[in-house]
């Protein structure tokens, strides 16, 4: 199971369009991974009417494509992670 720290869910015309998750793959290895409704060979493709669930977020983390702009997508993520660790999260 992936350690998902945060997620961003986007809709287009009231339908699911993209999910981006901030995932700590291992201690110190934090990545932004996304999946959307556009076909991308070898990666998870979402369905516009797909139900959002914890399992779907885990699938995005495992089979999505990495984004290089995690600091823009999830501003302040580093301090949030430090805070979580301080409280034992």
Protein backbone atom coordinates (compact mmCIF):
# COMPACT_ATOMS: atom_id res chain seq x y z
CA UNK A 1 0.00 0.00 0.00
CA UNK A 2 1.31 3.43 -0.98
CA UNK A 3 1.64 6.24 1.57
CA UNK A 4 -0.56 8.89 -0.05
CA UNK A 5 -0.02 12.26 1.60
CA UNK A 6 -2.41 14.39 -0.42
CA UNK A 7 -4.56 14.23 -3.54
CA UNK A 8 -5.98 16.63 -6.10
CA UNK A 9 -9.07 15.59 -8.06
CA UNK A 10 -10.05 17.56 -11.16
CA UNK A 11 -13.30 17.55 -13.11
CA UNK A 12 -14.15 18.73 -16.61
CA UNK A 13 -17.82 19.27 -17.55
CA UNK A 14 -18.86 17.65 -14.25
CA UNK A 15 -16.94 14.47 -15.05
CA UNK A 16 -13.74 13.09 -13.62
CA UNK A 17 -10.77 14.32 -15.63
CA UNK A 18 -7.56 13.91 -13.60
CA UNK A 19 -6.35 12.66 -10.24
CA UNK A 20 -2.94 13.61 -8.92
CA UNK A 21 -1.59 12.09 -5.71
CA UNK A 22 1.41 13.10 -3.64
CA UNK A 23 3.01 9.84 -2.58
CA UNK A 24 5.90 8.98 -0.30
CA UNK A 25 7.29 5.94 -2.13
CA UNK A 26 9.93 5.42 0.55
CA UNK A 27 11.32 7.67 3.26
CA UNK A 28 12.49 10.85 1.54
CA UNK A 29 11.23 9.79 -1.92
CA UNK A 30 8.10 11.89 -2.48
CA UNK A 31 6.53 12.04 -5.93
CA UNK A 32 3.48 13.53 -7.64
CA UNK A 33 1.77 10.84 -9.72
CA UNK A 34 -1.26 11.41 -11.96
CA UNK A 35 -3.75 9.63 -14.16
CA UNK A 36 -6.33 11.20 -16.43
CA UNK A 37 -8.89 10.30 -19.07
CA UNK A 38 -6.42 10.60 -21.96
CA UNK A 39 -5.01 7.35 -23.31
CA UNK A 40 -1.31 7.00 -22.45
CA UNK A 41 0.19 3.61 -23.25
CA UNK A 42 1.46 1.78 -20.19
CA UNK A 43 -0.28 4.02 -17.65
CA UNK A 44 -3.60 4.02 -15.82
CA UNK A 45 -6.44 5.68 -17.76
CA UNK A 46 -9.45 7.00 -15.85
CA UNK A 47 -13.06 6.74 -16.96
CA UNK A 48 -15.05 10.01 -16.76
CA UNK A 49 -17.78 8.36 -14.67
CA UNK A 50 -15.41 6.35 -12.46
CA UNK A 51 -16.18 6.29 -8.73
CA UNK A 52 -13.53 7.87 -6.55
CA UNK A 53 -12.29 5.61 -3.77
CA UNK A 54 -9.22 4.84 -1.67
CA UNK A 55 -8.53 1.94 -4.01
CA UNK A 56 -8.58 4.24 -7.04
CA UNK A 57 -6.09 6.60 -5.36
CA UNK A 58 -3.83 3.60 -4.70
CA UNK A 59 -4.11 2.60 -8.39
CA UNK A 60 -3.14 6.11 -9.46
CA UNK A 61 -0.10 5.95 -7.15
CA UNK A 62 0.95 2.58 -8.56
CA UNK A 63 0.11 2.89 -12.25
CA UNK A 64 0.02 6.62 -13.00
CA UNK A 65 2.61 8.84 -14.62
CA UNK A 66 5.01 11.02 -12.63
CA UNK A 67 4.74 14.82 -12.70
CA UNK A 68 7.83 16.96 -12.24
CA UNK A 69 5.94 19.94 -10.81
CA UNK A 70 5.03 18.57 -7.37
CA UNK A 71 6.02 21.85 -5.69
CA UNK A 72 3.50 23.73 -7.85
CA UNK A 73 0.78 21.06 -7.54
CA UNK A 74 1.15 20.68 -3.78
CA UNK A 75 2.61 23.90 -2.34
CA UNK A 76 4.03 23.48 1.14
CA UNK A 77 4.12 19.69 0.92
CA UNK A 78 7.55 19.44 2.54
CA UNK A 79 6.50 21.27 5.72
CA UNK A 80 3.28 19.22 5.89
CA UNK A 81 5.31 16.02 5.68
CA UNK A 82 7.65 17.24 8.43
CA UNK A 83 4.61 18.06 10.58
CA UNK A 84 3.09 14.60 9.98
CA UNK A 85 6.31 12.93 11.01
CA UNK A 86 6.51 15.05 14.16
CA UNK A 87 3.07 13.86 15.30
CA UNK A 88 3.74 10.27 14.30
CA UNK A 89 1.63 10.21 11.10
